[in-house]
């Protein structure tokens, strides 16, 4: 069962501006990555459900986070149907992220009042997602659409909250590119949790990188 309300999830997304995302078949690696992001200041984390037995890894991770990262809002991404969303919510997912707009997922998440964010690629899809109760739409893949798309959407629909994923990097130039366009937060995977960090087990470097990224986002928002 979700420990954080959808309002808390949305507020934390707006406050911090960053959702790290990651998957690995080794649960211990995932725990180390999550803990490093948490120590670096991240308060949201998206476990991407992309491998065999991913739900078993998440169940282990969720219990770990309750004890070791008590303020972390842990969610699940790459969810493709309502059955998977229900399973992950039962195991403690605090939010659900999907690569596409699925109304069946909206229904099961809304029934439990759990935050959900669908991948959208047109204003029509975004409008439908908002009609279904979505607070933040995922722009995916972000690098395909770019900041100009965000500006185009925010013009007629200034109330729309957008989170690009894909094409987001931790550099100040790239983050400024997105936040100046009007995004509410960004999702960041392999550009943040790099292969080198994982293969070398350099979680201290990840902690520093997350802290620097959050500081950069805050500086951009303040200006």
N, C-alpha and C. Protein backbone atom coordinates (compact mmCIF):
# COMPACT_ATOMS: atom_id res chain seq x y z
N UNK A 1 0.84 -1.20 0.00
CA UNK A 1 0.00 0.00 0.00
C UNK A 1 0.87 1.25 0.00
N UNK A 2 0.45 2.24 -0.77
CA UNK A 2 1.22 3.49 -0.87
C UNK A 2 1.32 4.21 0.46
N UNK A 3 2.54 4.66 0.80
CA UNK A 3 2.75 5.40 2.05
C UNK A 3 2.63 6.90 1.84
N UNK A 4 2.61 7.33 0.57
CA UNK A 4 2.54 8.76 0.26
C UNK A 4 1.35 9.02 -0.66
N UNK A 5 0.61 10.07 -0.37
CA UNK A 5 -0.55 10.42 -1.19
C UNK A 5 -0.10 10.97 -2.54
N UNK A 6 -1.01 10.99 -3.47
CA UNK A 6 -0.68 11.55 -4.79
C UNK A 6 -0.31 13.03 -4.69
N UNK A 7 -0.90 13.73 -3.73
CA UNK A 7 -0.57 15.14 -3.54
C UNK A 7 0.86 15.28 -3.05
N UNK A 8 1.28 14.41 -2.14
CA UNK A 8 2.66 14.44 -1.64
C UNK A 8 3.65 14.14 -2.75
N UNK A 9 3.31 13.19 -3.61
CA UNK A 9 4.19 12.84 -4.73
C UNK A 9 4.34 14.02 -5.67
N UNK A 10 3.23 14.62 -6.04
CA UNK A 10 3.26 15.76 -6.95
C UNK A 10 4.04 16.93 -6.34
N UNK A 11 3.82 17.20 -5.08
CA UNK A 11 4.51 18.31 -4.41
C UNK A 11 6.02 18.09 -4.38
N UNK A 12 6.42 16.85 -4.13
CA UNK A 12 7.86 16.55 -4.07
C UNK A 12 8.48 16.63 -5.46
N UNK A 13 7.74 16.26 -6.50
CA UNK A 13 8.25 16.40 -7.87
C UNK A 13 8.51 17.86 -8.19
N UNK A 14 7.57 18.71 -7.84
CA UNK A 14 7.73 20.14 -8.09
C UNK A 14 8.85 20.73 -7.24
N UNK A 15 8.97 20.26 -6.02
CA UNK A 15 9.97 20.80 -5.10
C UNK A 15 11.39 20.46 -5.52
N UNK A 16 11.65 19.18 -5.82
CA UNK A 16 13.01 18.74 -6.12
C UNK A 16 13.34 18.79 -7.61
N UNK A 17 12.34 18.54 -8.46
CA UNK A 17 12.55 18.62 -9.90
C UNK A 17 13.25 17.42 -10.52
N UNK A 18 13.49 16.35 -9.75
CA UNK A 18 14.27 15.23 -10.27
C UNK A 18 13.69 13.88 -9.83
N UNK A 19 13.55 12.98 -10.82
CA UNK A 19 13.17 11.59 -10.55
C UNK A 19 14.22 10.68 -11.18
N UNK A 20 15.17 10.16 -10.39
CA UNK A 20 16.11 9.17 -10.94
C UNK A 20 15.37 7.88 -11.25
N UNK A 21 15.82 7.18 -12.31
CA UNK A 21 15.20 5.89 -12.64
C UNK A 21 16.27 4.88 -13.00
N UNK A 22 15.99 3.62 -12.63
CA UNK A 22 17.04 2.60 -12.76
C UNK A 22 16.44 1.21 -12.62
N UNK A 23 17.06 0.25 -13.33
CA UNK A 23 16.75 -1.17 -13.13
C UNK A 23 18.03 -1.98 -13.21
N UNK A 24 18.09 -3.01 -12.39
CA UNK A 24 19.17 -3.98 -12.46
C UNK A 24 18.63 -5.31 -11.95
N UNK A 25 19.14 -6.39 -12.52
CA UNK A 25 18.63 -7.71 -12.12
C UNK A 25 19.13 -8.15 -10.75
N UNK A 26 20.14 -7.43 -10.23
CA UNK A 26 20.68 -7.73 -8.91
C UNK A 26 20.06 -6.77 -7.89
N UNK A 27 19.26 -7.30 -6.97
CA UNK A 27 18.57 -6.46 -6.00
C UNK A 27 19.54 -5.66 -5.14
N UNK A 28 20.69 -6.22 -4.83
CA UNK A 28 21.66 -5.51 -3.99
C UNK A 28 22.21 -4.29 -4.70
N UNK A 29 22.41 -4.39 -6.02
CA UNK A 29 22.87 -3.24 -6.80
C UNK A 29 21.81 -2.14 -6.79
N UNK A 30 20.56 -2.54 -6.98
CA UNK A 30 19.48 -1.55 -6.97
C UNK A 30 19.41 -0.83 -5.62
N UNK A 31 19.56 -1.58 -4.55
CA UNK A 31 19.52 -0.97 -3.21
C UNK A 31 20.65 0.04 -3.04
N UNK A 32 21.84 -0.31 -3.51
CA UNK A 32 22.98 0.60 -3.39
C UNK A 32 22.76 1.87 -4.20
N UNK A 33 22.19 1.73 -5.38
CA UNK A 33 21.90 2.88 -6.23
C UNK A 33 20.86 3.78 -5.57
N UNK A 34 19.79 3.17 -5.09
CA UNK A 34 18.73 3.94 -4.44
C UNK A 34 19.26 4.66 -3.21
N UNK A 35 20.04 3.97 -2.39
CA UNK A 35 20.57 4.58 -1.18
C UNK A 35 21.50 5.76 -1.51
N UNK A 36 22.32 5.61 -2.55
CA UNK A 36 23.22 6.69 -2.96
C UNK A 36 22.42 7.91 -3.43
N UNK A 37 21.36 7.67 -4.20
CA UNK A 37 20.52 8.77 -4.66
C UNK A 37 19.84 9.46 -3.48
N UNK A 38 19.41 8.66 -2.52
CA UNK A 38 18.76 9.19 -1.31
C UNK A 38 19.72 10.04 -0.50
N UNK A 39 20.94 9.54 -0.31
CA UNK A 39 21.95 10.29 0.44
C UNK A 39 22.33 11.57 -0.29
N UNK A 40 22.21 11.54 -1.63
CA UNK A 40 22.50 12.73 -2.42
C UNK A 40 21.39 13.76 -2.42
N UNK A 41 20.26 13.41 -1.80
CA UNK A 41 19.16 14.36 -1.68
C UNK A 41 17.91 14.03 -2.46
N UNK A 42 17.95 13.00 -3.31
CA UNK A 42 16.76 12.63 -4.07
C UNK A 42 15.69 12.11 -3.13
N UNK A 43 14.46 12.50 -3.36
CA UNK A 43 13.36 12.03 -2.53
C UNK A 43 12.30 11.31 -3.33
N UNK A 44 12.60 11.09 -4.61
CA UNK A 44 11.77 10.25 -5.47
C UNK A 44 12.68 9.30 -6.23
N UNK A 45 12.18 8.10 -6.51
CA UNK A 45 12.97 7.16 -7.29
C UNK A 45 12.02 6.25 -8.05
N UNK A 46 12.31 6.09 -9.35
CA UNK A 46 11.50 5.22 -10.21
C UNK A 46 12.26 3.94 -10.52
N UNK A 47 11.76 2.84 -10.01
CA UNK A 47 12.28 1.52 -10.35
C UNK A 47 11.64 1.10 -11.66
N UNK A 48 12.44 0.93 -12.70
CA UNK A 48 11.89 0.60 -14.01
C UNK A 48 11.71 -0.91 -14.14
N UNK A 49 10.47 -1.32 -14.36
CA UNK A 49 10.12 -2.74 -14.41
C UNK A 49 10.38 -3.30 -15.81
N UNK A 50 11.61 -3.71 -16.05
CA UNK A 50 11.97 -4.10 -17.41
C UNK A 50 12.58 -5.49 -17.53
N UNK A 51 12.75 -6.21 -16.45
CA UNK A 51 13.40 -7.51 -16.53
C UNK A 51 12.56 -8.61 -15.93
N UNK A 52 12.95 -9.84 -16.18
CA UNK A 52 12.27 -10.98 -15.58
C UNK A 52 12.35 -10.91 -14.06
N UNK A 53 11.26 -11.25 -13.42
CA UNK A 53 11.16 -11.26 -11.95
C UNK A 53 11.40 -9.87 -11.34
N UNK A 54 11.13 -8.83 -12.13
CA UNK A 54 11.33 -7.47 -11.63
C UNK A 54 10.49 -7.19 -10.39
N UNK A 55 9.30 -7.77 -10.34
CA UNK A 55 8.42 -7.52 -9.19
C UNK A 55 9.01 -8.09 -7.90
N UNK A 56 9.78 -9.16 -8.01
CA UNK A 56 10.41 -9.73 -6.82
C UNK A 56 11.53 -8.82 -6.32
N UNK A 57 12.25 -8.22 -7.25
CA UNK A 57 13.29 -7.27 -6.88
C UNK A 57 12.67 -6.06 -6.20
N UNK A 58 11.55 -5.58 -6.77
CA UNK A 58 10.90 -4.40 -6.21
C UNK A 58 10.38 -4.68 -4.81
N UNK A 59 9.80 -5.85 -4.58
CA UNK A 59 9.28 -6.18 -3.26
C UNK A 59 10.39 -6.11 -2.21
N UNK A 60 11.55 -6.61 -2.56
CA UNK A 60 12.71 -6.56 -1.67
C UNK A 60 13.16 -5.12 -1.46
N UNK A 61 13.19 -4.36 -2.56
CA UNK A 61 13.61 -2.97 -2.50
C UNK A 61 12.67 -2.12 -1.65
N UNK A 62 11.38 -2.34 -1.79
CA UNK A 62 10.40 -1.54 -1.06
C UNK A 62 10.58 -1.72 0.45
N UNK A 63 10.81 -2.94 0.88
CA UNK A 63 11.03 -3.20 2.31
C UNK A 63 12.32 -2.55 2.79
N UNK A 64 13.34 -2.59 1.93
CA UNK A 64 14.62 -1.96 2.25
C UNK A 64 14.45 -0.45 2.45
N UNK A 65 13.68 0.18 1.56
CA UNK A 65 13.53 1.63 1.60
C UNK A 65 12.76 2.10 2.82
N UNK A 66 11.80 1.32 3.28
CA UNK A 66 11.05 1.69 4.47
C UNK A 66 11.99 1.87 5.65
N UNK A 67 13.00 1.02 5.73
CA UNK A 67 13.94 1.06 6.85
C UNK A 67 15.10 2.02 6.61
N UNK A 68 15.68 1.96 5.41
CA UNK A 68 16.92 2.68 5.13
C UNK A 68 16.72 4.06 4.50
N UNK A 69 15.59 4.26 3.82
CA UNK A 69 15.32 5.54 3.14
C UNK A 69 13.88 5.96 3.45
N UNK A 70 13.58 6.25 4.69
CA UNK A 70 12.18 6.44 5.11
C UNK A 70 11.45 7.60 4.44
N UNK A 71 12.17 8.59 3.95
CA UNK A 71 11.51 9.73 3.31
C UNK A 71 11.44 9.58 1.79
N UNK A 72 11.93 8.47 1.28
CA UNK A 72 11.95 8.27 -0.17
C UNK A 72 10.57 7.86 -0.69
N UNK A 73 10.15 8.50 -1.77
CA UNK A 73 8.91 8.13 -2.44
C UNK A 73 9.29 7.20 -3.60
N UNK A 74 9.06 5.91 -3.41
CA UNK A 74 9.48 4.90 -4.36
C UNK A 74 8.33 4.52 -5.29
N UNK A 75 8.58 4.61 -6.60
CA UNK A 75 7.56 4.26 -7.57
C UNK A 75 8.09 3.28 -8.59
N UNK A 76 7.24 2.93 -9.54
CA UNK A 76 7.60 1.95 -10.56
C UNK A 76 7.28 2.51 -11.94
N UNK A 77 8.23 2.34 -12.86
CA UNK A 77 8.03 2.79 -14.23
C UNK A 77 7.99 1.63 -15.21
N UNK A 78 7.73 1.94 -16.47
CA UNK A 78 7.61 0.94 -17.54
C UNK A 78 6.48 -0.04 -17.27
N UNK A 79 5.44 0.43 -16.60
CA UNK A 79 4.26 -0.39 -16.33
C UNK A 79 3.34 -0.32 -17.54
N UNK A 80 2.94 -1.47 -18.05
CA UNK A 80 2.22 -1.49 -19.34
C UNK A 80 0.77 -1.94 -19.26
N UNK A 81 0.29 -2.37 -18.09
CA UNK A 81 -1.11 -2.78 -17.99
C UNK A 81 -1.59 -2.65 -16.56
N UNK A 82 -2.91 -2.73 -16.39
CA UNK A 82 -3.51 -2.53 -15.08
C UNK A 82 -3.13 -3.62 -14.09
N UNK A 83 -2.97 -4.85 -14.57
CA UNK A 83 -2.62 -5.95 -13.67
C UNK A 83 -1.26 -5.69 -13.03
N UNK A 84 -0.29 -5.25 -13.83
CA UNK A 84 1.04 -4.96 -13.30
C UNK A 84 0.99 -3.78 -12.33
N UNK A 85 0.21 -2.75 -12.66
CA UNK A 85 0.07 -1.60 -11.77
C UNK A 85 -0.51 -2.03 -10.43
N UNK A 86 -1.53 -2.86 -10.46
CA UNK A 86 -2.15 -3.33 -9.22
C UNK A 86 -1.17 -4.14 -8.39
N UNK A 87 -0.39 -4.99 -9.05
CA UNK A 87 0.60 -5.80 -8.35
C UNK A 87 1.61 -4.92 -7.63
N UNK A 88 2.15 -3.93 -8.35
CA UNK A 88 3.16 -3.07 -7.75
C UNK A 88 2.58 -2.20 -6.64
N UNK A 89 1.37 -1.73 -6.80
CA UNK A 89 0.75 -0.95 -5.73
C UNK A 89 0.56 -1.80 -4.48
N UNK A 90 0.21 -3.06 -4.66
CA UNK A 90 0.04 -3.96 -3.53
C UNK A 90 1.37 -4.16 -2.79
N UNK A 91 2.47 -4.05 -3.52
CA UNK A 91 3.78 -4.22 -2.92
C UNK A 91 4.38 -2.91 -2.40
N UNK A 92 3.62 -1.82 -2.50
CA UNK A 92 4.06 -0.57 -1.90
C UNK A 92 4.47 0.54 -2.84
N UNK A 93 4.21 0.40 -4.13
CA UNK A 93 4.56 1.47 -5.06
C UNK A 93 3.78 2.74 -4.73
N UNK A 94 4.48 3.85 -4.63
CA UNK A 94 3.86 5.13 -4.30
C UNK A 94 3.44 5.93 -5.54
N UNK A 95 3.93 5.52 -6.69
CA UNK A 95 3.48 6.12 -7.95
C UNK A 95 3.76 5.14 -9.08
N UNK A 96 3.02 5.31 -10.16
CA UNK A 96 3.13 4.43 -11.33
C UNK A 96 3.39 5.29 -12.56
N UNK A 97 4.41 4.92 -13.32
CA UNK A 97 4.75 5.63 -14.55
C UNK A 97 4.63 4.65 -15.72
N UNK A 98 4.02 5.10 -16.80
CA UNK A 98 3.79 4.23 -17.95
C UNK A 98 4.39 4.84 -19.21
N UNK A 99 4.84 4.01 -20.16
CA UNK A 99 5.40 4.56 -21.40
C UNK A 99 4.34 5.09 -22.35
N UNK A 100 3.09 4.68 -22.14
CA UNK A 100 1.98 5.11 -23.01
C UNK A 100 0.78 5.45 -22.14
N UNK A 101 -0.22 6.08 -22.75
CA UNK A 101 -1.46 6.40 -22.05
C UNK A 101 -2.37 5.18 -22.05
N UNK A 102 -2.63 4.63 -20.87
CA UNK A 102 -3.51 3.47 -20.72
C UNK A 102 -4.61 3.81 -19.72
N UNK A 103 -5.84 3.80 -20.20
CA UNK A 103 -6.95 4.16 -19.33
C UNK A 103 -7.20 3.11 -18.26
N UNK A 104 -6.87 1.85 -18.54
CA UNK A 104 -7.06 0.82 -17.52
C UNK A 104 -6.14 1.06 -16.33
N UNK A 105 -4.94 1.55 -16.61
CA UNK A 105 -4.02 1.88 -15.51
C UNK A 105 -4.53 3.08 -14.73
N UNK A 106 -5.06 4.07 -15.43
CA UNK A 106 -5.62 5.25 -14.76
C UNK A 106 -6.72 4.83 -13.78
N UNK A 107 -7.56 3.90 -14.19
CA UNK A 107 -8.69 3.47 -13.36
C UNK A 107 -8.21 2.81 -12.08
N UNK A 108 -7.25 1.87 -12.19
CA UNK A 108 -6.82 1.15 -10.98
C UNK A 108 -6.02 2.05 -10.05
N UNK A 109 -5.26 2.99 -10.61
CA UNK A 109 -4.51 3.92 -9.77
C UNK A 109 -5.44 4.91 -9.08
N UNK A 110 -6.40 5.44 -9.82
CA UNK A 110 -7.34 6.39 -9.23
C UNK A 110 -8.18 5.73 -8.15
N UNK A 111 -8.50 4.46 -8.33
CA UNK A 111 -9.30 3.76 -7.33
C UNK A 111 -8.59 3.74 -5.97
N UNK A 112 -7.25 3.65 -6.01
CA UNK A 112 -6.47 3.63 -4.78
C UNK A 112 -5.87 5.00 -4.44
N UNK A 113 -6.20 5.99 -5.26
CA UNK A 113 -5.68 7.35 -5.10
C UNK A 113 -4.15 7.37 -5.12
N UNK A 114 -3.59 6.61 -6.05
CA UNK A 114 -2.14 6.55 -6.24
C UNK A 114 -1.76 7.39 -7.45
N UNK A 115 -0.73 8.19 -7.31
CA UNK A 115 -0.22 9.05 -8.39
C UNK A 115 0.19 8.19 -9.59
N UNK A 116 -0.19 8.62 -10.79
CA UNK A 116 0.23 7.93 -12.00
C UNK A 116 0.60 8.95 -13.07
N UNK A 117 1.58 8.61 -13.89
CA UNK A 117 2.05 9.52 -14.93
C UNK A 117 2.24 8.74 -16.23
N UNK A 118 1.42 9.02 -17.25
CA UNK A 118 1.51 8.29 -18.52
C UNK A 118 2.42 8.98 -19.53
N UNK A 119 3.05 8.19 -20.37
CA UNK A 119 3.83 8.73 -21.47
C UNK A 119 2.90 9.27 -22.55
N UNK A 120 3.05 10.54 -22.89
CA UNK A 120 2.19 11.18 -23.90
C UNK A 120 3.06 11.85 -24.96
N UNK A 121 2.53 11.94 -26.18
CA UNK A 121 3.29 12.54 -27.25
C UNK A 121 2.49 13.52 -28.10
N UNK A 122 1.30 13.89 -27.63
CA UNK A 122 0.48 14.87 -28.35
C UNK A 122 -0.39 15.61 -27.36
N UNK A 123 -0.87 16.76 -27.76
CA UNK A 123 -1.74 17.55 -26.90
C UNK A 123 -3.04 16.81 -26.63
N UNK A 124 -3.51 16.06 -27.61
CA UNK A 124 -4.74 15.28 -27.42
C UNK A 124 -4.55 14.22 -26.33
N UNK A 125 -3.42 13.53 -26.37
CA UNK A 125 -3.14 12.53 -25.34
C UNK A 125 -3.00 13.18 -23.97
N UNK A 126 -2.33 14.32 -23.92
CA UNK A 126 -2.15 15.03 -22.66
C UNK A 126 -3.50 15.45 -22.09
N UNK A 127 -4.36 16.00 -22.95
CA UNK A 127 -5.68 16.44 -22.50
C UNK A 127 -6.49 15.26 -21.97
N UNK A 128 -6.41 14.12 -22.64
CA UNK A 128 -7.14 12.94 -22.18
C UNK A 128 -6.59 12.45 -20.84
N UNK A 129 -5.28 12.47 -20.69
CA UNK A 129 -4.67 12.05 -19.43
C UNK A 129 -5.14 12.94 -18.29
N UNK A 130 -5.22 14.24 -18.54
CA UNK A 130 -5.66 15.18 -17.51
C UNK A 130 -7.14 14.97 -17.19
N UNK A 131 -7.94 14.64 -18.20
CA UNK A 131 -9.34 14.33 -17.95
C UNK A 131 -9.49 13.10 -17.06
N UNK A 132 -8.50 12.21 -17.14
CA UNK A 132 -8.51 10.99 -16.33
C UNK A 132 -7.87 11.20 -14.96
N UNK A 133 -7.47 12.43 -14.65
CA UNK A 133 -6.97 12.75 -13.33
C UNK A 133 -5.46 12.83 -13.19
N UNK A 134 -4.73 12.83 -14.30
CA UNK A 134 -3.27 12.89 -14.25
C UNK A 134 -2.79 14.28 -13.86
N UNK A 135 -1.83 14.34 -12.92
CA UNK A 135 -1.26 15.62 -12.50
C UNK A 135 0.00 15.98 -13.29
N UNK A 136 0.80 14.98 -13.62
CA UNK A 136 2.05 15.20 -14.36
C UNK A 136 2.13 14.20 -15.50
N UNK A 137 2.24 14.70 -16.72
CA UNK A 137 2.39 13.80 -17.86
C UNK A 137 3.86 13.59 -18.16
N UNK A 138 4.19 12.40 -18.56
CA UNK A 138 5.56 12.06 -18.93
C UNK A 138 5.73 12.30 -20.43
N UNK A 139 6.69 13.12 -20.79
CA UNK A 139 6.98 13.36 -22.20
C UNK A 139 8.06 12.35 -22.60
N UNK A 140 7.65 11.36 -23.40
CA UNK A 140 8.57 10.27 -23.71
C UNK A 140 8.44 9.84 -25.16
N UNK A 141 9.57 9.66 -25.84
CA UNK A 141 10.93 10.02 -25.39
C UNK A 141 11.18 11.52 -25.52
N UNK A 142 11.71 12.10 -24.46
CA UNK A 142 11.85 13.55 -24.39
C UNK A 142 12.69 14.15 -25.49
N UNK A 143 13.77 13.45 -25.88
CA UNK A 143 14.66 14.02 -26.89
C UNK A 143 14.03 14.04 -28.27
N UNK A 144 12.98 13.27 -28.48
CA UNK A 144 12.29 13.29 -29.77
C UNK A 144 11.46 14.57 -29.89
N UNK A 145 10.86 15.00 -28.80
CA UNK A 145 9.97 16.16 -28.83
C UNK A 145 10.69 17.47 -28.50
N UNK A 146 11.51 17.47 -27.47
CA UNK A 146 12.32 18.64 -27.15
C UNK A 146 11.58 19.74 -26.42
N UNK A 147 12.34 20.77 -26.06
CA UNK A 147 11.81 21.88 -25.27
C UNK A 147 10.79 22.72 -26.04
N UNK A 148 10.95 22.79 -27.35
CA UNK A 148 9.99 23.58 -28.13
C UNK A 148 8.59 22.99 -28.04
N UNK A 149 8.51 21.67 -27.97
CA UNK A 149 7.22 21.01 -27.80
C UNK A 149 6.60 21.39 -26.47
N UNK A 150 7.43 21.41 -25.42
CA UNK A 150 6.95 21.79 -24.09
C UNK A 150 6.41 23.21 -24.12
N UNK A 151 7.16 24.12 -24.73
CA UNK A 151 6.70 25.51 -24.82
C UNK A 151 5.39 25.60 -25.59
N UNK A 152 5.28 24.81 -26.65
CA UNK A 152 4.06 24.81 -27.45
C UNK A 152 2.85 24.34 -26.65
N UNK A 153 3.05 23.35 -25.79
CA UNK A 153 1.96 22.83 -24.96
C UNK A 153 1.59 23.83 -23.88
N UNK A 154 2.60 24.43 -23.25
CA UNK A 154 2.35 25.33 -22.12
C UNK A 154 1.65 26.62 -22.55
N UNK A 155 1.74 26.96 -23.84
CA UNK A 155 1.08 28.16 -24.33
C UNK A 155 -0.42 28.10 -24.12
N UNK A 156 -1.12 27.17 -24.81
CA UNK A 156 -2.57 27.08 -24.63
C UNK A 156 -3.00 26.38 -23.35
N UNK A 157 -2.08 25.61 -22.73
CA UNK A 157 -2.42 24.83 -21.54
C UNK A 157 -1.39 25.07 -20.43
N UNK A 158 -1.36 26.26 -19.86
CA UNK A 158 -0.34 26.59 -18.85
C UNK A 158 -0.46 25.77 -17.58
N UNK A 159 -1.60 25.12 -17.39
CA UNK A 159 -1.81 24.29 -16.19
C UNK A 159 -1.18 22.91 -16.31
N UNK A 160 -0.71 22.56 -17.49
CA UNK A 160 -0.17 21.22 -17.71
C UNK A 160 1.22 21.08 -17.10
N UNK A 161 1.43 20.01 -16.35
CA UNK A 161 2.72 19.70 -15.74
C UNK A 161 3.39 18.59 -16.54
N UNK A 162 4.64 18.82 -16.93
CA UNK A 162 5.34 17.91 -17.84
C UNK A 162 6.64 17.44 -17.23
N UNK A 163 6.90 16.14 -17.40
CA UNK A 163 8.16 15.53 -16.96
C UNK A 163 8.80 14.80 -18.14
N UNK A 164 9.81 15.41 -18.78
CA UNK A 164 10.49 14.71 -19.87
C UNK A 164 11.41 13.61 -19.34
N UNK A 165 11.42 12.49 -20.02
CA UNK A 165 12.32 11.39 -19.71
C UNK A 165 12.92 10.90 -21.02
N UNK A 166 14.24 10.77 -21.04
CA UNK A 166 14.92 10.45 -22.30
C UNK A 166 15.45 11.74 -22.90
N UNK A 167 16.74 11.85 -23.06
CA UNK A 167 17.31 13.08 -23.59
C UNK A 167 17.60 14.12 -22.52
N UNK A 168 17.50 13.74 -21.26
CA UNK A 168 17.81 14.64 -20.16
C UNK A 168 19.16 14.25 -19.58
N UNK A 169 20.05 15.22 -19.42
CA UNK A 169 21.37 14.96 -18.86
C UNK A 169 21.59 15.87 -17.65
N UNK A 170 22.55 15.54 -16.78
CA UNK A 170 22.76 16.35 -15.57
C UNK A 170 23.58 17.62 -15.77
N UNK A 171 23.83 18.01 -17.01
CA UNK A 171 24.59 19.24 -17.24
C UNK A 171 23.69 20.45 -17.03
N UNK A 172 24.30 21.57 -16.63
CA UNK A 172 23.52 22.77 -16.39
C UNK A 172 22.86 23.26 -17.68
N UNK A 173 23.55 23.13 -18.78
CA UNK A 173 23.00 23.58 -20.07
C UNK A 173 21.73 22.81 -20.42
N UNK A 174 21.77 21.49 -20.26
CA UNK A 174 20.61 20.67 -20.62
C UNK A 174 19.45 20.89 -19.65
N UNK A 175 19.76 20.97 -18.36
CA UNK A 175 18.70 21.19 -17.38
C UNK A 175 18.04 22.55 -17.56
N UNK A 176 18.85 23.55 -17.86
CA UNK A 176 18.29 24.89 -18.12
C UNK A 176 17.40 24.87 -19.36
N UNK A 177 17.82 24.12 -20.36
CA UNK A 177 17.05 23.95 -21.61
C UNK A 177 15.64 23.46 -21.29
N UNK A 178 15.52 22.51 -20.39
CA UNK A 178 14.21 21.93 -20.06
C UNK A 178 13.41 22.81 -19.10
N UNK A 179 14.05 23.26 -18.04
CA UNK A 179 13.29 24.01 -17.03
C UNK A 179 12.90 25.40 -17.53
N UNK A 180 13.72 26.00 -18.36
CA UNK A 180 13.33 27.28 -18.95
C UNK A 180 12.12 27.13 -19.87
N UNK A 181 11.94 25.92 -20.41
CA UNK A 181 10.79 25.66 -21.28
C UNK A 181 9.51 25.48 -20.48
N UNK A 182 9.66 25.20 -19.17
CA UNK A 182 8.48 25.11 -18.32
C UNK A 182 8.16 23.74 -17.75
N UNK A 183 9.12 22.79 -17.80
CA UNK A 183 8.83 21.48 -17.22
C UNK A 183 8.74 21.57 -15.70
N UNK A 184 7.99 20.66 -15.10
CA UNK A 184 7.85 20.63 -13.64
C UNK A 184 8.98 19.84 -13.00
N UNK A 185 9.44 18.80 -13.68
CA UNK A 185 10.55 17.99 -13.20
C UNK A 185 11.09 17.19 -14.37
N UNK A 186 12.18 16.47 -14.15
CA UNK A 186 12.77 15.65 -15.20
C UNK A 186 13.02 14.25 -14.66
N UNK A 187 12.90 13.27 -15.54
CA UNK A 187 13.27 11.90 -15.21
C UNK A 187 14.62 11.62 -15.84
N UNK A 188 15.52 10.99 -15.09
CA UNK A 188 16.87 10.78 -15.60
C UNK A 188 17.37 9.38 -15.23
N UNK A 189 17.79 8.63 -16.25
CA UNK A 189 18.25 7.28 -16.04
C UNK A 189 19.74 7.11 -16.22
N UNK A 190 20.12 6.57 -17.39
CA UNK A 190 21.52 6.20 -17.61
C UNK A 190 22.47 7.39 -17.67
N UNK A 191 21.95 8.59 -17.90
CA UNK A 191 22.81 9.77 -17.88
C UNK A 191 23.20 10.15 -16.46
N UNK A 192 22.42 9.69 -15.50
CA UNK A 192 22.70 9.96 -14.09
C UNK A 192 23.36 8.75 -13.44
N UNK A 193 22.71 7.61 -13.56
CA UNK A 193 23.26 6.35 -13.03
C UNK A 193 23.99 5.67 -14.19
N UNK A 194 25.23 6.06 -14.41
CA UNK A 194 25.96 5.59 -15.59
C UNK A 194 26.44 4.15 -15.43
N UNK A 195 26.76 3.54 -16.56
CA UNK A 195 27.27 2.17 -16.55
C UNK A 195 28.58 2.08 -15.76
N UNK A 196 29.41 3.10 -15.86
CA UNK A 196 30.69 3.09 -15.14
C UNK A 196 30.48 3.10 -13.63
N UNK A 197 29.54 3.90 -13.18
CA UNK A 197 29.25 3.96 -11.75
C UNK A 197 28.81 2.60 -11.24
N UNK A 198 27.91 1.96 -12.00
CA UNK A 198 27.38 0.67 -11.58
C UNK A 198 28.45 -0.42 -11.65
N UNK A 199 29.18 -0.48 -12.76
CA UNK A 199 30.18 -1.54 -12.94
C UNK A 199 31.32 -1.41 -11.93
N UNK A 200 31.66 -0.17 -11.55
CA UNK A 200 32.74 0.06 -10.59
C UNK A 200 32.25 0.10 -9.14
N UNK A 201 30.93 0.09 -8.97
CA UNK A 201 30.38 0.19 -7.63
C UNK A 201 30.74 1.49 -6.94
N UNK A 202 30.86 2.56 -7.73
CA UNK A 202 31.27 3.85 -7.19
C UNK A 202 30.04 4.65 -6.76
N UNK A 203 29.42 4.22 -5.70
CA UNK A 203 28.17 4.84 -5.27
C UNK A 203 28.40 6.20 -4.61
N UNK A 204 29.61 6.42 -4.13
CA UNK A 204 29.93 7.75 -3.61
C UNK A 204 29.88 8.79 -4.72
N UNK A 205 30.37 8.40 -5.90
CA UNK A 205 30.32 9.31 -7.05
C UNK A 205 28.88 9.59 -7.45
N UNK A 206 28.03 8.57 -7.36
CA UNK A 206 26.61 8.77 -7.69
C UNK A 206 25.96 9.72 -6.69
N UNK A 207 26.26 9.54 -5.44
CA UNK A 207 25.71 10.44 -4.41
C UNK A 207 26.09 11.89 -4.70
N UNK A 208 27.35 12.12 -5.04
CA UNK A 208 27.81 13.48 -5.35
C UNK A 208 27.13 14.01 -6.61
N UNK A 209 26.96 13.15 -7.59
CA UNK A 209 26.36 13.56 -8.85
C UNK A 209 24.89 13.95 -8.66
N UNK A 210 24.19 13.20 -7.85
CA UNK A 210 22.79 13.52 -7.57
C UNK A 210 22.69 14.84 -6.83
N UNK A 211 23.55 15.04 -5.85
CA UNK A 211 23.54 16.28 -5.07
C UNK A 211 23.82 17.48 -5.98
N UNK A 212 24.81 17.34 -6.86
CA UNK A 212 25.15 18.42 -7.78
C UNK A 212 23.99 18.71 -8.74
N UNK A 213 23.33 17.66 -9.20
CA UNK A 213 22.21 17.82 -10.12
C UNK A 213 21.05 18.55 -9.45
N UNK A 214 20.73 18.15 -8.24
CA UNK A 214 19.66 18.82 -7.49
C UNK A 214 20.00 20.27 -7.23
N UNK A 215 21.26 20.56 -6.89
CA UNK A 215 21.68 21.94 -6.66
C UNK A 215 21.55 22.76 -7.94
N UNK A 216 21.92 22.16 -9.06
CA UNK A 216 21.83 22.85 -10.34
C UNK A 216 20.37 23.16 -10.69
N UNK A 217 19.50 22.19 -10.48
CA UNK A 217 18.07 22.40 -10.75
C UNK A 217 17.52 23.53 -9.89
N UNK A 218 17.88 23.53 -8.62
CA UNK A 218 17.38 24.56 -7.71
C UNK A 218 17.89 25.94 -8.13
N UNK A 219 19.14 26.01 -8.54
CA UNK A 219 19.72 27.27 -8.97
C UNK A 219 18.99 27.80 -10.21
N UNK A 220 18.69 26.92 -11.13
CA UNK A 220 17.99 27.31 -12.36
C UNK A 220 16.58 27.81 -12.02
N UNK A 221 15.91 27.10 -11.14
CA UNK A 221 14.55 27.49 -10.76
C UNK A 221 14.54 28.81 -10.01
N UNK A 222 15.56 29.04 -9.18
CA UNK A 222 15.63 30.29 -8.42
C UNK A 222 15.84 31.50 -9.33
N UNK A 223 16.54 31.26 -10.44
CA UNK A 223 16.84 32.37 -11.37
C UNK A 223 15.73 32.57 -12.39
